Amino acid sequence: MGSFSVWHILILLILLLIPVGIALVVWFIVRISNKRSPVSQLPPRTPTDDNPQ
């Protein structure tokens, strides 16, 4: 009765792979969207930005 069968392992793997798969898809979408709008497109800072007069 207390055995841990192959079916238990398969079900645990599926239950773990679903959130991992969702996390990978979200990570991939965020990575693609960051490549389309990089921060380097912001205008460069000038020394007068720090000391307005």
N, C-alpha and C. Protein backbone atom coordinates (compact mmCIF):
# COMPACT_ATOMS: atom_id res chain seq x y z
N MET A 1 0.81 -1.20 0.00
CA MET A 1 0.00 0.00 0.00
C MET A 1 0.86 1.27 0.00
N GLY A 2 1.99 1.27 0.65
CA GLY A 2 2.79 2.47 0.78
C GLY A 2 3.81 2.65 -0.33
N SER A 3 3.64 1.98 -1.45
CA SER A 3 4.64 2.08 -2.52
C SER A 3 4.42 3.37 -3.33
N PHE A 4 5.50 3.85 -3.92
CA PHE A 4 5.49 5.05 -4.75
C PHE A 4 5.68 4.61 -6.17
N SER A 5 4.61 4.52 -6.94
CA SER A 5 4.66 3.91 -8.25
C SER A 5 5.13 4.90 -9.32
N VAL A 6 5.30 4.37 -10.52
CA VAL A 6 5.71 5.19 -11.66
C VAL A 6 4.64 6.23 -11.97
N TRP A 7 3.38 5.89 -11.77
CA TRP A 7 2.29 6.83 -12.04
C TRP A 7 2.37 8.04 -11.12
N HIS A 8 2.76 7.83 -9.88
CA HIS A 8 2.93 8.97 -8.97
C HIS A 8 4.03 9.91 -9.47
N ILE A 9 5.12 9.32 -9.93
CA ILE A 9 6.23 10.13 -10.45
C ILE A 9 5.79 10.90 -11.68
N LEU A 10 5.06 10.25 -12.58
CA LEU A 10 4.59 10.94 -13.79
C LEU A 10 3.64 12.09 -13.45
N ILE A 11 2.75 11.86 -12.52
CA ILE A 11 1.81 12.92 -12.13
C ILE A 11 2.56 14.08 -11.47
N LEU A 12 3.53 13.78 -10.63
CA LEU A 12 4.32 14.85 -10.01
C LEU A 12 5.11 15.62 -11.05
N LEU A 13 5.67 14.94 -12.02
CA LEU A 13 6.42 15.63 -13.08
C LEU A 13 5.50 16.54 -13.88
N ILE A 14 4.31 16.07 -14.21
CA ILE A 14 3.36 16.90 -14.95
C ILE A 14 2.96 18.11 -14.12
N LEU A 15 2.68 17.90 -12.83
CA LEU A 15 2.29 19.02 -11.98
C LEU A 15 3.41 20.03 -11.80
N LEU A 16 4.66 19.58 -11.87
CA LEU A 16 5.79 20.50 -11.77
C LEU A 16 6.09 21.18 -13.11
N LEU A 17 5.85 20.46 -14.20
CA LEU A 17 6.18 21.02 -15.51
C LEU A 17 5.20 22.10 -15.95
N ILE A 18 3.97 22.04 -15.49
CA ILE A 18 2.99 23.06 -15.89
C ILE A 18 3.41 24.46 -15.41
N PRO A 19 3.70 24.68 -14.12
CA PRO A 19 4.13 26.03 -13.71
C PRO A 19 5.49 26.42 -14.28
N VAL A 20 6.38 25.45 -14.43
CA VAL A 20 7.69 25.76 -15.02
C VAL A 20 7.52 26.19 -16.47
N GLY A 21 6.65 25.50 -17.20
CA GLY A 21 6.39 25.87 -18.58
C GLY A 21 5.78 27.25 -18.70
N ILE A 22 4.84 27.56 -17.81
CA ILE A 22 4.22 28.89 -17.82
C ILE A 22 5.28 29.96 -17.51
N ALA A 23 6.15 29.68 -16.55
CA ALA A 23 7.20 30.65 -16.19
C ALA A 23 8.15 30.86 -17.36
N LEU A 24 8.49 29.79 -18.08
CA LEU A 24 9.39 29.94 -19.23
C LEU A 24 8.73 30.75 -20.35
N VAL A 25 7.44 30.54 -20.58
CA VAL A 25 6.75 31.31 -21.61
C VAL A 25 6.72 32.79 -21.23
N VAL A 26 6.41 33.10 -19.97
CA VAL A 26 6.39 34.49 -19.52
C VAL A 26 7.78 35.11 -19.62
N TRP A 27 8.80 34.37 -19.22
CA TRP A 27 10.18 34.87 -19.31
C TRP A 27 10.55 35.16 -20.76
N PHE A 28 10.16 34.27 -21.66
CA PHE A 28 10.48 34.45 -23.07
C PHE A 28 9.77 35.69 -23.64
N ILE A 29 8.51 35.88 -23.27
CA ILE A 29 7.76 37.06 -23.75
C ILE A 29 8.39 38.34 -23.22
N VAL A 30 8.77 38.35 -21.94
CA VAL A 30 9.42 39.54 -21.37
C VAL A 30 10.75 39.80 -22.05
N ARG A 31 11.49 38.75 -22.32
CA ARG A 31 12.79 38.92 -22.99
C ARG A 31 12.61 39.48 -24.39
N ILE A 32 11.63 38.98 -25.13
CA ILE A 32 11.38 39.49 -26.49
C ILE A 32 10.93 40.95 -26.44
N SER A 33 10.06 41.28 -25.51
CA SER A 33 9.57 42.66 -25.43
C SER A 33 10.68 43.62 -25.01
N ASN A 34 11.63 43.17 -24.21
CA ASN A 34 12.75 44.03 -23.82
C ASN A 34 13.70 44.26 -24.98
N LYS A 35 13.82 43.31 -25.89
CA LYS A 35 14.69 43.51 -27.05
C LYS A 35 14.10 44.53 -28.01
N ARG A 36 12.76 44.62 -28.06
CA ARG A 36 12.12 45.56 -28.97
C ARG A 36 12.21 47.00 -28.46
N SER A 37 12.25 47.19 -27.15
CA SER A 37 12.33 48.54 -26.60
C SER A 37 13.45 48.60 -25.55
N PRO A 38 14.70 48.62 -26.00
CA PRO A 38 15.80 48.66 -25.02
C PRO A 38 15.89 50.00 -24.32
N VAL A 39 16.48 49.99 -23.16
CA VAL A 39 16.63 51.21 -22.37
C VAL A 39 17.63 52.16 -23.03
N SER A 40 18.52 51.62 -23.87
CA SER A 40 19.54 52.44 -24.50
C SER A 40 18.95 53.45 -25.47
N GLN A 41 17.66 53.38 -25.79
CA GLN A 41 17.05 54.35 -26.68
C GLN A 41 16.71 55.65 -25.96
N LEU A 42 16.85 55.67 -24.64
CA LEU A 42 16.61 56.90 -23.90
C LEU A 42 17.68 57.92 -24.25
N PRO A 43 17.35 59.21 -24.23
CA PRO A 43 18.38 60.20 -24.54
C PRO A 43 19.47 60.19 -23.47
N PRO A 44 20.70 60.43 -23.86
CA PRO A 44 21.80 60.41 -22.87
C PRO A 44 21.66 61.55 -21.87
N ARG A 45 22.10 61.28 -20.66
CA ARG A 45 22.04 62.30 -19.62
C ARG A 45 23.15 63.31 -19.82
N THR A 46 22.87 64.54 -19.49
CA THR A 46 23.89 65.59 -19.57
C THR A 46 24.21 66.05 -18.15
N PRO A 47 25.36 66.65 -17.95
CA PRO A 47 25.71 67.13 -16.61
C PRO A 47 24.71 68.15 -16.06
N THR A 48 24.03 68.88 -16.94
CA THR A 48 23.07 69.88 -16.46
C THR A 48 21.81 69.22 -15.88
N ASP A 49 21.59 67.95 -16.19
CA ASP A 49 20.43 67.27 -15.61
C ASP A 49 20.59 67.13 -14.09
N ASP A 50 21.82 66.98 -13.64
CA ASP A 50 22.07 66.81 -12.20
C ASP A 50 22.03 68.13 -11.46
N ASN A 51 22.41 69.24 -12.11
CA ASN A 51 22.49 70.54 -11.45
C ASN A 51 21.67 71.58 -12.21
N PRO A 52 20.38 71.54 -12.13
CA PRO A 52 19.60 72.57 -12.83
C PRO A 52 19.76 73.91 -12.12
N GLN A 53 19.83 74.98 -12.91
CA GLN A 53 20.02 76.31 -12.30
C GLN A 53 18.95 77.27 -12.72
